[in-house]
Amino acid sequence: MPSSSSRTYTQVWYCDNCNDGPISTALNPYCPSCGHQRCSYCLVQMIKIRSERSS
């Protein structure tokens, strides 16, 4: 079982205008589907992503 230190999280958002997502907050301030700029009504979440294991 992996330890909790091997877990990595990233912040994503879901467009309030067209419901597209998840969209990376680090890469996209605008929705790639409809062009809506992320606003206070867009849902922002932290999601767990896989981390690469070193050999």
N, C-alpha and C. Protein backbone atom coordinates (compact mmCIF):
# COMPACT_ATOMS: atom_id res chain seq x y z
N MET A 1 0.85 -1.19 0.00
CA MET A 1 0.00 0.00 0.00
C MET A 1 0.89 1.24 0.00
N PRO A 2 0.66 2.20 -0.93
CA PRO A 2 1.49 3.39 -0.98
C PRO A 2 1.28 4.27 0.25
N SER A 3 2.34 4.94 0.67
CA SER A 3 2.21 5.85 1.79
C SER A 3 1.56 7.14 1.34
N SER A 4 1.05 7.91 2.29
CA SER A 4 0.37 9.15 1.94
C SER A 4 1.33 10.16 1.33
N SER A 5 2.64 10.03 1.57
CA SER A 5 3.60 10.96 1.01
C SER A 5 3.76 10.78 -0.49
N SER A 6 3.30 9.65 -1.06
CA SER A 6 3.41 9.43 -2.50
C SER A 6 2.22 10.01 -3.25
N ARG A 7 1.28 10.57 -2.55
CA ARG A 7 0.10 11.15 -3.19
C ARG A 7 0.37 12.60 -3.56
N THR A 8 -0.06 12.97 -4.75
CA THR A 8 0.12 14.33 -5.24
C THR A 8 -1.25 14.89 -5.61
N TYR A 9 -1.46 16.15 -5.34
CA TYR A 9 -2.73 16.79 -5.64
C TYR A 9 -2.52 17.95 -6.60
N THR A 10 -3.53 18.24 -7.39
CA THR A 10 -3.52 19.39 -8.28
C THR A 10 -4.87 20.08 -8.23
N GLN A 11 -4.88 21.37 -8.49
CA GLN A 11 -6.12 22.14 -8.45
C GLN A 11 -6.73 22.22 -9.85
N VAL A 12 -8.00 21.90 -9.93
CA VAL A 12 -8.73 21.95 -11.20
C VAL A 12 -10.02 22.73 -11.00
N TRP A 13 -10.63 23.11 -12.13
CA TRP A 13 -11.91 23.81 -12.05
C TRP A 13 -12.86 23.30 -13.11
N TYR A 14 -14.16 23.55 -12.86
CA TYR A 14 -15.23 23.15 -13.76
C TYR A 14 -15.97 24.42 -14.18
N CYS A 15 -16.14 24.59 -15.48
CA CYS A 15 -16.74 25.80 -16.03
C CYS A 15 -18.21 25.94 -15.62
N ASP A 16 -18.55 27.09 -15.06
CA ASP A 16 -19.94 27.38 -14.68
C ASP A 16 -20.82 27.62 -15.91
N ASN A 17 -20.21 28.03 -17.01
CA ASN A 17 -20.96 28.36 -18.22
C ASN A 17 -21.38 27.12 -19.01
N CYS A 18 -20.43 26.16 -19.22
CA CYS A 18 -20.74 25.00 -20.05
C CYS A 18 -20.55 23.66 -19.33
N ASN A 19 -20.11 23.70 -18.07
CA ASN A 19 -19.88 22.52 -17.23
C ASN A 19 -18.73 21.63 -17.70
N ASP A 20 -17.83 22.17 -18.52
CA ASP A 20 -16.66 21.41 -18.94
C ASP A 20 -15.69 21.30 -17.77
N GLY A 21 -14.91 20.24 -17.75
CA GLY A 21 -13.90 20.08 -16.72
C GLY A 21 -13.60 18.62 -16.52
N PRO A 22 -12.60 18.30 -15.78
CA PRO A 22 -11.74 19.21 -15.02
C PRO A 22 -10.76 19.96 -15.93
N ILE A 23 -10.48 21.20 -15.55
CA ILE A 23 -9.57 22.08 -16.28
C ILE A 23 -8.48 22.52 -15.29
N SER A 24 -7.23 22.46 -15.68
CA SER A 24 -6.13 22.84 -14.80
C SER A 24 -6.14 24.33 -14.53
N THR A 25 -6.11 24.71 -13.24
CA THR A 25 -6.04 26.14 -12.89
C THR A 25 -4.67 26.71 -13.24
N ALA A 26 -3.64 25.87 -13.24
CA ALA A 26 -2.28 26.33 -13.54
C ALA A 26 -2.09 26.62 -15.03
N LEU A 27 -2.85 25.95 -15.88
CA LEU A 27 -2.64 26.08 -17.33
C LEU A 27 -3.71 26.89 -18.04
N ASN A 28 -4.95 26.89 -17.55
CA ASN A 28 -6.06 27.46 -18.29
C ASN A 28 -6.92 28.41 -17.46
N PRO A 29 -6.73 29.73 -17.60
CA PRO A 29 -7.63 30.67 -16.93
C PRO A 29 -8.97 30.80 -17.66
N TYR A 30 -9.02 30.31 -18.92
CA TYR A 30 -10.24 30.35 -19.72
C TYR A 30 -10.65 28.93 -20.08
N CYS A 31 -11.93 28.67 -20.17
CA CYS A 31 -12.44 27.36 -20.55
C CYS A 31 -12.07 27.07 -22.01
N PRO A 32 -11.44 25.94 -22.29
CA PRO A 32 -11.09 25.61 -23.67
C PRO A 32 -12.31 25.30 -24.55
N SER A 33 -13.44 24.98 -23.95
CA SER A 33 -14.64 24.65 -24.73
C SER A 33 -15.46 25.87 -25.14
N CYS A 34 -15.63 26.84 -24.20
CA CYS A 34 -16.52 27.97 -24.50
C CYS A 34 -15.87 29.33 -24.34
N GLY A 35 -14.64 29.38 -23.82
CA GLY A 35 -13.93 30.65 -23.68
C GLY A 35 -14.26 31.44 -22.43
N HIS A 36 -15.11 30.89 -21.56
CA HIS A 36 -15.49 31.56 -20.31
C HIS A 36 -14.28 31.70 -19.39
N GLN A 37 -14.06 32.89 -18.83
CA GLN A 37 -12.98 33.07 -17.86
C GLN A 37 -13.43 32.53 -16.51
N ARG A 38 -12.54 31.78 -15.84
CA ARG A 38 -12.88 31.23 -14.53
C ARG A 38 -13.31 32.34 -13.59
N CYS A 39 -14.44 32.13 -12.91
CA CYS A 39 -15.01 33.13 -12.01
C CYS A 39 -15.36 32.48 -10.68
N SER A 40 -15.93 33.24 -9.78
CA SER A 40 -16.26 32.74 -8.44
C SER A 40 -17.38 31.70 -8.47
N TYR A 41 -18.12 31.60 -9.58
CA TYR A 41 -19.18 30.60 -9.69
C TYR A 41 -18.69 29.26 -10.24
N CYS A 42 -17.50 29.24 -10.78
CA CYS A 42 -16.91 27.99 -11.27
C CYS A 42 -16.43 27.17 -10.07
N LEU A 43 -16.68 25.88 -10.10
CA LEU A 43 -16.28 24.99 -9.02
C LEU A 43 -14.79 24.70 -9.11
N VAL A 44 -14.07 24.91 -8.01
CA VAL A 44 -12.63 24.63 -7.94
C VAL A 44 -12.43 23.51 -6.94
N GLN A 45 -11.64 22.49 -7.32
CA GLN A 45 -11.39 21.35 -6.44
C GLN A 45 -9.93 20.94 -6.50
N MET A 46 -9.49 20.28 -5.44
CA MET A 46 -8.18 19.63 -5.42
C MET A 46 -8.44 18.16 -5.72
N ILE A 47 -7.72 17.61 -6.72
CA ILE A 47 -7.87 16.20 -7.04
C ILE A 47 -6.56 15.47 -6.88
N LYS A 48 -6.64 14.21 -6.54
CA LYS A 48 -5.46 13.37 -6.38
C LYS A 48 -5.01 12.89 -7.74
N ILE A 49 -3.71 12.99 -8.02
CA ILE A 49 -3.16 12.48 -9.26
C ILE A 49 -2.09 11.45 -8.94
N ARG A 50 -1.82 10.58 -9.89
CA ARG A 50 -0.80 9.56 -9.69
C ARG A 50 0.57 10.20 -9.71
N SER A 51 1.44 9.73 -8.84
CA SER A 51 2.82 10.20 -8.85
C SER A 51 3.68 9.08 -9.41
N GLU A 52 4.72 9.46 -10.12
CA GLU A 52 5.62 8.48 -10.72
C GLU A 52 6.52 7.91 -9.63
N ARG A 53 6.72 6.61 -9.69
CA ARG A 53 7.62 5.96 -8.73
C ARG A 53 9.02 5.92 -9.31
N SER A 54 9.99 6.20 -8.48
CA SER A 54 11.41 6.12 -8.91
C SER A 54 11.85 4.68 -8.83
N SER A 55 12.67 4.25 -9.79
CA SER A 55 13.17 2.87 -9.79
C SER A 55 14.51 2.79 -9.11
